Amino acid sequence: MPASPTRASALNPAALVDAENLRADVDAAVTAHLDRLGAEVGAISPSAEAMVEEAAGLLMGGKRLRAAFCYWSFRAHGGSADAANSARIATVRVGAALELFQAAALLHDDVMDNSDTRRGRPTAHRAFAGKHAAAGWAGEPVQFGDSAAILLGDLVLLAAQRELSAALALVPAAVAEAARARFDAMQSEVVVGQYLDVLVQAEPWGHDPASDEERARKVLRAKSASYSVAAPLALGALLAGAGPRAAAAVEAAGLPLGEAFQLRDDVLGVFGDPAVTGKPAGDDLREGKRTVVVARTLALLPDPEGPDAAALIAALGNPDLSDDDVARVREVIVGSGALDAVEQLIEDLAVRAHALLDMADLTEPGRGLLTDLAHAAVDRAA
């Protein structure tokens, strides 16, 4: 049976990532890489040092859940906790590569979504635009900001590749080859998922809510579920030398868990507390995100042409949405029953993930920490 949600809810998610000094070790690996990158960039041109400074600001935030899923899968498959163990060092550095890859994806995603804030601070493209405007440089500040953020995303993506290569040099060739193949596939999944996200924003929407929901779920499975949970779990198993069958078994649990993780993000994108999430209330609505929450609301509203549906559709993609407008949309979503329905979907996916984790051949303490992490990934406020 899955671990008790009541018990897991009482756990501090940060403590799960701090266990066995994981957060400190991953942070140290990220910081060391940024220091090397900063020296390299500064040697090319001091004018470009602002890129690394901006990357550092973004990377010093975050939950480190991807690194934690990788590490505790490693431990659950027999990996050593010895800080001097080469496989453990490699796993920590793969965790750092995952964090770098996520940062690159966020930098690009924020430009595509035209987001203003990330982790409680201005997004990179906004920060660069602000520098341009403050300095009175030639050209358009917005264009400069977007261009700089895209290039920074590329730079951080290269950093992820370099950190991964350094990590895999510490493990046997067969292990390195399998881990590299899974990391590469994960990157393709995310890029394709990003494209599908762009596509679903452009395609007709609202005429077939059931189809809309399936398209939204396909996007989140490709764009987020894999690299948030499933791939890190598989990588941890491979780095422990457990082999492809064990990696596939734990990855099977990660897919529904990753979907539940992203669905929680979608709920928080409308109902989250800005002081906790680091993003303005209703930001996903302003960005016009076609989420499962929105699709399910349109499906459940009794009158698809009525005022509630009109209020929701009008809100999507409106950058000038007021707090009162957001509150109105929240009422529509709750009144339709969509919030309860999505919460039930999250619960169903989480239960399936826990059942698959229970069936996997895992050892303690990794098994228990993975179970607790699975709860923390879904039962959260940010």
Protein backbone atom coordinates (compact mmCIF):
# COMPACT_ATOMS: atom_id res chain seq x y z
CA MET A 1 0.00 0.00 0.00
CA PRO A 2 1.21 3.58 -0.64
CA ALA A 3 2.66 5.49 2.29
CA SER A 4 0.13 7.51 4.25
CA PRO A 5 -0.50 10.93 2.67
CA THR A 6 -1.10 12.32 6.17
CA ARG A 7 2.39 11.28 7.26
CA ALA A 8 3.98 12.53 4.06
CA SER A 9 2.17 15.85 4.24
CA ALA A 10 3.77 16.47 7.62
CA LEU A 11 7.24 16.07 6.13
CA ASN A 12 9.26 19.13 5.18
CA PRO A 13 10.00 18.74 1.43
CA ALA A 14 13.23 20.68 1.87
CA ALA A 15 14.39 18.17 4.49
CA LEU A 16 13.98 15.37 1.97
CA VAL A 17 16.35 17.12 -0.42
CA ASP A 18 18.76 18.00 2.40
CA ALA A 19 19.12 14.35 3.53
CA GLU A 20 22.62 12.85 3.11
CA ASN A 21 23.88 16.36 2.32
CA LEU A 22 22.37 16.14 -1.16
CA ARG A 23 21.26 19.76 -1.62
CA ALA A 24 24.61 21.11 -0.42
CA ASP A 25 26.50 18.74 -2.72
CA VAL A 26 24.35 19.58 -5.77
CA ASP A 27 24.57 23.30 -4.99
CA ALA A 28 28.35 22.99 -4.73
CA ALA A 29 28.52 21.21 -8.10
CA VAL A 30 26.33 23.88 -9.73
CA THR A 31 28.35 26.68 -8.15
CA ALA A 32 31.66 25.14 -9.22
CA HIS A 33 30.41 24.83 -12.77
CA LEU A 34 29.19 28.44 -12.81
CA ASP A 35 32.54 29.60 -11.43
CA ARG A 36 34.37 27.84 -14.26
CA LEU A 37 31.87 29.19 -16.77
CA GLY A 38 32.21 32.70 -15.38
CA ALA A 39 35.98 32.60 -15.78
CA GLU A 40 35.64 31.31 -19.34
CA VAL A 41 33.06 33.92 -20.30
CA GLY A 42 35.00 36.73 -18.60
CA ALA A 43 38.12 35.79 -20.53
CA ILE A 44 36.18 36.12 -23.77
CA SER A 45 34.66 39.45 -22.78
CA PRO A 46 33.90 41.07 -19.41
CA SER A 47 30.80 42.55 -21.07
CA ALA A 48 29.26 39.08 -21.14
CA GLU A 49 29.74 38.35 -17.43
CA ALA A 50 26.18 39.55 -16.84
CA MET A 51 25.00 36.36 -18.53
CA VAL A 52 26.58 34.13 -15.89
CA GLU A 53 25.41 36.42 -13.10
CA GLU A 54 21.84 36.10 -14.36
CA ALA A 55 22.17 32.32 -14.64
CA ALA A 56 23.49 32.13 -11.08
CA GLY A 57 20.54 34.11 -9.78
CA LEU A 58 18.13 31.65 -11.39
CA LEU A 59 20.05 28.52 -10.42
CA MET A 60 20.40 29.38 -6.76
CA GLY A 61 16.64 28.98 -6.43
CA GLY A 62 14.57 25.90 -7.13
CA LYS A 63 13.45 22.84 -5.22
CA ARG A 64 16.20 20.47 -6.47
CA LEU A 65 13.52 17.78 -6.83
CA ARG A 66 14.95 16.47 -10.10
CA ALA A 67 18.35 15.96 -8.55
CA ALA A 68 16.68 14.37 -5.52
CA PHE A 69 14.68 11.90 -7.62
CA CYS A 70 17.89 10.92 -9.42
CA TYR A 71 19.91 10.54 -6.23
CA TRP A 72 17.35 8.61 -4.20
CA SER A 73 16.69 6.29 -7.12
CA PHE A 74 20.45 5.70 -7.16
CA ARG A 75 20.36 4.88 -3.45
CA ALA A 76 17.22 2.75 -3.80
CA HIS A 77 19.01 0.65 -6.43
CA GLY A 78 21.99 -0.04 -4.20
CA GLY A 79 24.11 3.06 -4.80
CA SER A 80 26.57 4.09 -2.11
CA ALA A 81 26.12 7.02 0.29
CA ASP A 82 29.91 7.35 0.68
CA ALA A 83 30.84 10.89 -0.33
CA ALA A 84 34.09 9.59 -1.85
CA ASN A 85 32.38 6.95 -3.96
CA SER A 86 32.86 7.74 -7.66
CA ALA A 87 29.33 6.60 -8.63
CA ARG A 88 27.83 8.83 -5.92
CA ILE A 89 29.90 11.79 -7.09
CA ALA A 90 28.74 11.10 -10.64
CA THR A 91 25.11 10.95 -9.52
CA VAL A 92 25.38 14.27 -7.70
CA ARG A 93 26.89 15.84 -10.81
CA VAL A 94 24.18 14.35 -13.03
CA GLY A 95 21.77 16.00 -10.59
CA ALA A 96 23.59 19.28 -11.22
CA ALA A 97 23.30 18.68 -14.97
CA LEU A 98 19.54 18.17 -14.54
CA GLU A 99 19.31 21.46 -12.66
CA LEU A 100 21.27 23.23 -15.41
CA PHE A 101 19.07 21.69 -18.07
CA GLN A 102 15.94 22.82 -16.25
CA ALA A 103 17.32 26.35 -15.99
CA ALA A 104 17.96 26.41 -19.74
CA ALA A 105 14.41 25.22 -20.39
CA LEU A 106 12.99 27.86 -18.04
CA LEU A 107 14.97 30.65 -19.69
CA HIS A 108 13.52 29.76 -23.08
CA ASP A 109 10.06 29.02 -21.69
CA ASP A 110 9.82 32.41 -20.00
CA VAL A 111 10.55 34.16 -23.30
CA MET A 112 7.93 32.10 -25.13
CA ASP A 113 5.36 32.71 -22.38
CA ASN A 114 6.33 36.39 -22.00
CA SER A 115 6.56 35.82 -18.23
CA ASP A 116 7.47 38.63 -15.85
CA THR A 117 8.73 36.73 -12.81
CA ARG A 118 10.39 33.45 -11.95
CA ARG A 119 11.12 32.26 -8.41
CA GLY A 120 10.21 35.66 -7.01
CA ARG A 121 12.57 37.66 -9.23
CA PRO A 122 12.30 39.22 -12.70
CA THR A 123 12.71 36.74 -15.52
CA ALA A 124 15.96 36.94 -17.43
CA HIS A 125 14.51 38.61 -20.50
CA ARG A 126 12.88 41.26 -18.31
CA ALA A 127 16.13 41.81 -16.40
CA PHE A 128 18.14 42.21 -19.60
CA ALA A 129 15.52 44.55 -21.04
CA GLY A 130 15.75 46.60 -17.86
CA LYS A 131 19.54 46.86 -18.19
CA HIS A 132 19.13 48.04 -21.79
CA ALA A 133 16.57 50.67 -20.87
CA ALA A 134 18.53 51.92 -17.86
CA ALA A 135 21.70 52.29 -19.94
CA GLY A 136 19.91 54.04 -22.80
CA TRP A 137 21.38 51.70 -25.40
CA ALA A 138 20.32 51.77 -29.04
CA GLY A 139 17.46 49.60 -30.26
CA GLU A 140 14.43 48.12 -28.51
CA PRO A 141 14.88 46.98 -24.88
CA VAL A 142 12.37 44.15 -25.29
CA GLN A 143 14.11 42.73 -28.34
CA PHE A 144 17.48 42.96 -26.59
CA GLY A 145 16.08 41.24 -23.50
CA ASP A 146 14.53 38.39 -25.47
CA SER A 147 17.68 37.87 -27.52
CA ALA A 148 19.94 37.88 -24.48
CA ALA A 149 17.73 35.42 -22.58
CA ILE A 150 17.62 33.02 -25.54
CA LEU A 151 21.41 33.11 -25.81
CA LEU A 152 21.72 32.60 -22.06
CA GLY A 153 19.44 29.59 -22.33
CA ASP A 154 21.73 28.19 -25.02
CA LEU A 155 24.78 28.82 -22.84
CA VAL A 156 23.22 27.05 -19.84
CA LEU A 157 22.15 24.15 -22.05
CA LEU A 158 25.77 23.75 -23.12
CA ALA A 159 26.74 23.89 -19.44
CA ALA A 160 24.35 21.01 -18.74
CA GLN A 161 26.04 18.95 -21.45
CA ARG A 162 29.49 19.67 -20.09
CA GLU A 163 28.49 18.84 -16.53
CA LEU A 164 26.90 15.60 -17.71
CA SER A 165 30.03 14.59 -19.62
CA ALA A 166 32.21 15.26 -16.59
CA ALA A 167 29.88 13.21 -14.41
CA LEU A 168 29.74 10.22 -16.75
CA ALA A 169 33.53 10.11 -17.02
CA LEU A 170 33.47 8.80 -13.43
CA VAL A 171 31.46 5.63 -14.14
CA PRO A 172 32.06 2.51 -16.28
CA ALA A 173 31.62 2.99 -20.02
CA ALA A 174 28.49 0.83 -20.25
CA VAL A 175 26.81 2.79 -17.45
CA ALA A 176 27.85 6.09 -19.02
CA GLU A 177 26.50 5.06 -22.41
CA ALA A 178 23.11 4.07 -21.01
CA ALA A 179 22.82 7.22 -18.89
CA ARG A 180 23.85 9.47 -21.79
CA ALA A 181 21.23 7.85 -24.04
CA ARG A 182 18.47 8.46 -21.46
CA PHE A 183 19.56 12.06 -20.87
CA ASP A 184 19.64 12.71 -24.62
CA ALA A 185 16.17 11.23 -25.11
CA MET A 186 14.89 13.37 -22.23
CA GLN A 187 16.15 16.50 -23.96
CA SER A 188 14.37 15.60 -27.20
CA GLU A 189 11.17 14.95 -25.26
CA VAL A 190 11.29 18.38 -23.65
CA VAL A 191 11.98 20.23 -26.90
CA VAL A 192 9.16 18.39 -28.68
CA GLY A 193 6.93 19.07 -25.68
CA GLN A 194 7.75 22.77 -25.90
CA TYR A 195 6.80 22.76 -29.57
CA LEU A 196 3.54 20.95 -28.81
CA ASP A 197 2.85 23.61 -26.18
CA VAL A 198 3.38 26.37 -28.75
CA LEU A 199 1.21 24.46 -31.22
CA VAL A 200 -1.68 23.95 -28.82
CA GLN A 201 -1.74 27.71 -28.14
CA ALA A 202 -2.17 28.33 -31.88
CA GLU A 203 -4.65 25.60 -32.80
CA PRO A 204 -8.43 26.01 -32.41
CA TRP A 205 -9.51 25.62 -28.81
CA GLY A 206 -12.81 25.28 -26.96
CA HIS A 207 -14.88 23.41 -29.56
CA ASP A 208 -14.07 19.90 -28.27
CA PRO A 209 -13.12 20.06 -24.56
CA ALA A 210 -12.35 16.33 -24.34
CA SER A 211 -9.87 16.60 -27.21
CA ASP A 212 -8.49 19.81 -25.72
CA GLU A 213 -7.80 18.05 -22.43
CA GLU A 214 -6.04 15.15 -24.11
CA ARG A 215 -3.85 17.56 -26.08
CA ALA A 216 -3.04 19.45 -22.87
CA ARG A 217 -2.10 16.21 -21.11
CA LYS A 218 0.08 15.16 -24.05
CA VAL A 219 1.95 18.45 -23.76
CA LEU A 220 2.59 18.11 -20.04
CA ARG A 221 3.66 14.47 -20.36
CA ALA A 222 6.24 15.34 -23.02
CA LYS A 223 7.28 18.75 -21.74
CA SER A 224 7.42 18.16 -18.00
CA ALA A 225 6.56 14.67 -16.72
CA SER A 226 9.60 13.02 -18.27
CA TYR A 227 12.34 15.39 -17.23
CA SER A 228 10.77 16.31 -13.90
CA VAL A 229 10.46 12.79 -12.50
CA ALA A 230 10.60 9.84 -14.92
CA ALA A 231 14.01 10.50 -16.48
CA PRO A 232 15.73 11.40 -13.19
CA LEU A 233 14.44 8.15 -11.66
CA ALA A 234 15.72 6.15 -14.63
CA LEU A 235 19.08 7.92 -14.54
CA GLY A 236 19.53 7.13 -10.85
CA ALA A 237 18.89 3.43 -11.47
CA LEU A 238 21.32 3.36 -14.40
CA LEU A 239 24.05 5.16 -12.44
CA ALA A 240 23.71 2.58 -9.68
CA GLY A 241 24.42 -0.11 -12.28
CA ALA A 242 20.95 -1.62 -11.89
CA GLY A 243 20.46 -2.01 -15.65
CA PRO A 244 17.76 -1.13 -18.17
CA ARG A 245 15.01 -3.37 -16.75
CA ALA A 246 15.21 -1.77 -13.29
CA ALA A 247 15.41 1.67 -14.87
CA ALA A 248 12.28 0.98 -16.91
CA ALA A 249 10.39 -0.23 -13.83
CA VAL A 250 11.10 2.89 -11.79
CA GLU A 251 10.52 5.13 -14.81
CA ALA A 252 7.05 3.61 -15.20
CA ALA A 253 6.24 4.97 -11.75
CA GLY A 254 7.73 8.33 -12.66
CA LEU A 255 5.45 8.95 -15.63
CA PRO A 256 2.12 9.23 -13.74
CA LEU A 257 3.93 10.97 -10.88
CA GLY A 258 5.44 13.48 -13.29
CA GLU A 259 2.02 14.15 -14.79
CA ALA A 260 0.56 14.69 -11.32
CA PHE A 261 3.49 17.01 -10.53
CA GLN A 262 2.74 19.19 -13.55
CA LEU A 263 -1.00 19.16 -12.92
CA ARG A 264 -0.25 20.52 -9.45
CA ASP A 265 1.74 23.30 -11.13
CA ASP A 266 -1.25 24.04 -13.37
CA VAL A 267 -3.55 24.32 -10.35
CA LEU A 268 -1.07 26.58 -8.57
CA GLY A 269 -0.80 28.69 -11.73
CA VAL A 270 -4.36 29.81 -11.09
CA PHE A 271 -4.90 29.28 -7.36
CA GLY A 272 -1.40 29.60 -5.90
CA ASP A 273 -0.32 32.22 -3.38
CA PRO A 274 2.13 34.61 -5.11
CA ALA A 275 4.12 34.95 -1.87
CA VAL A 276 4.77 31.20 -2.01
CA THR A 277 4.90 30.45 -5.74
CA GLY A 278 7.02 33.48 -6.69
CA LYS A 279 4.65 34.30 -9.57
CA PRO A 280 1.68 36.71 -9.73
CA ALA A 281 -1.76 35.23 -9.04
CA GLY A 282 -3.35 33.98 -12.24
CA ASP A 283 -0.17 34.31 -14.29
CA ASP A 284 -1.00 31.18 -16.30
CA LEU A 285 -4.27 32.82 -17.33
CA ARG A 286 -2.51 35.98 -18.48
CA GLU A 287 -0.08 33.84 -20.48
CA GLY A 288 -3.03 32.04 -22.08
CA LYS A 289 -1.90 28.54 -21.10
CA ARG A 290 -4.20 25.82 -22.44
CA THR A 291 -4.15 23.58 -19.38
CA VAL A 292 -6.13 20.58 -18.21
CA VAL A 293 -7.79 22.88 -15.64
CA VAL A 294 -9.11 25.14 -18.39
CA ALA A 295 -10.19 22.27 -20.65
CA ARG A 296 -11.97 20.48 -17.82
CA THR A 297 -13.78 23.68 -16.85
CA LEU A 298 -15.08 24.21 -20.38
CA ALA A 299 -16.17 20.57 -20.49
CA LEU A 300 -18.13 20.81 -17.24
CA LEU A 301 -19.82 24.17 -17.71
CA PRO A 302 -23.51 23.55 -18.45
CA ASP A 303 -23.70 26.31 -21.05
CA PRO A 304 -20.67 26.46 -23.38
CA GLU A 305 -21.96 29.77 -24.76
CA GLY A 306 -22.87 31.26 -21.37
CA PRO A 307 -21.29 34.09 -19.37
CA ASP A 308 -19.04 31.79 -17.33
CA ALA A 309 -17.48 30.27 -20.43
CA ALA A 310 -17.16 33.72 -21.98
CA ALA A 311 -15.38 35.05 -18.87
CA LEU A 312 -12.89 32.17 -18.92
CA ILE A 313 -12.15 32.41 -22.64
CA ALA A 314 -11.80 36.20 -22.44
CA ALA A 315 -9.31 35.84 -19.58
CA LEU A 316 -6.98 33.49 -21.45
CA GLY A 317 -4.05 35.41 -22.87
CA ASN A 318 -5.16 38.77 -21.48
CA PRO A 319 -1.97 40.36 -20.06
CA ASP A 320 -4.02 43.10 -18.37
CA LEU A 321 -6.10 40.69 -16.27
CA SER A 322 -6.82 42.29 -12.89
CA ASP A 323 -6.94 40.50 -9.55
CA ASP A 324 -10.72 40.83 -9.66
CA ASP A 325 -10.76 39.18 -13.08
CA VAL A 326 -8.63 36.34 -11.74
CA ALA A 327 -11.00 35.94 -8.80
CA ARG A 328 -13.93 35.74 -11.23
CA VAL A 329 -12.21 32.98 -13.24
CA ARG A 330 -11.41 31.10 -10.06
CA GLU A 331 -15.11 31.18 -9.18
CA VAL A 332 -15.97 29.79 -12.61
CA ILE A 333 -13.46 26.97 -12.28
CA VAL A 334 -14.55 26.02 -8.77
CA GLY A 335 -18.25 26.35 -9.58
CA SER A 336 -17.94 24.08 -12.61
CA GLY A 337 -16.47 21.31 -10.47
CA ALA A 338 -13.25 21.33 -12.53
CA LEU A 339 -10.97 22.04 -9.57
CA ASP A 340 -12.31 19.02 -7.68
CA ALA A 341 -12.06 16.91 -10.84
CA VAL A 342 -8.43 17.85 -11.46
CA GLU A 343 -7.57 17.26 -7.81
CA GLN A 344 -9.08 13.78 -8.17
CA LEU A 345 -7.04 13.20 -11.32
CA ILE A 346 -3.88 14.21 -9.45
CA GLU A 347 -4.77 11.79 -6.66
CA ASP A 348 -5.47 8.95 -9.09
CA LEU A 349 -2.15 9.47 -10.86
CA ALA A 350 -0.28 9.65 -7.55
CA VAL A 351 -1.89 6.42 -6.32
CA ARG A 352 -0.86 4.68 -9.55
CA ALA A 353 2.69 5.98 -9.18
CA HIS A 354 2.93 4.76 -5.58
CA ALA A 355 1.60 1.34 -6.56
CA LEU A 356 4.30 1.04 -9.23
CA LEU A 357 6.98 2.20 -6.79
CA ASP A 358 5.79 -0.47 -4.35
CA MET A 359 6.25 -3.13 -7.04
CA ALA A 360 9.74 -1.97 -8.01
CA ASP A 361 12.77 -3.78 -6.58
CA LEU A 362 14.00 -1.00 -4.30
CA THR A 363 16.01 -0.99 -1.08
CA GLU A 364 16.00 1.26 1.98
CA PRO A 365 16.60 4.04 2.74
CA GLY A 366 16.05 4.96 -0.91
CA ARG A 367 12.62 3.36 -1.12
CA GLY A 368 11.25 5.37 1.80
CA LEU A 369 12.77 8.64 0.62
CA LEU A 370 11.42 8.14 -2.89
CA THR A 371 7.95 7.52 -1.45
CA ASP A 372 8.19 10.69 0.61
CA LEU A 373 9.51 12.67 -2.35
CA ALA A 374 6.62 11.43 -4.45
CA HIS A 375 4.19 12.85 -1.92
CA ALA A 376 6.15 16.11 -1.65
CA ALA A 377 6.10 16.56 -5.44
CA VAL A 378 2.30 16.51 -5.49
CA ASP A 379 1.26 17.77 -2.06
CA ARG A 380 2.81 21.23 -2.23
CA ALA A 381 1.95 24.91 -2.35
CA ALA A 382 4.73 26.06 -4.69
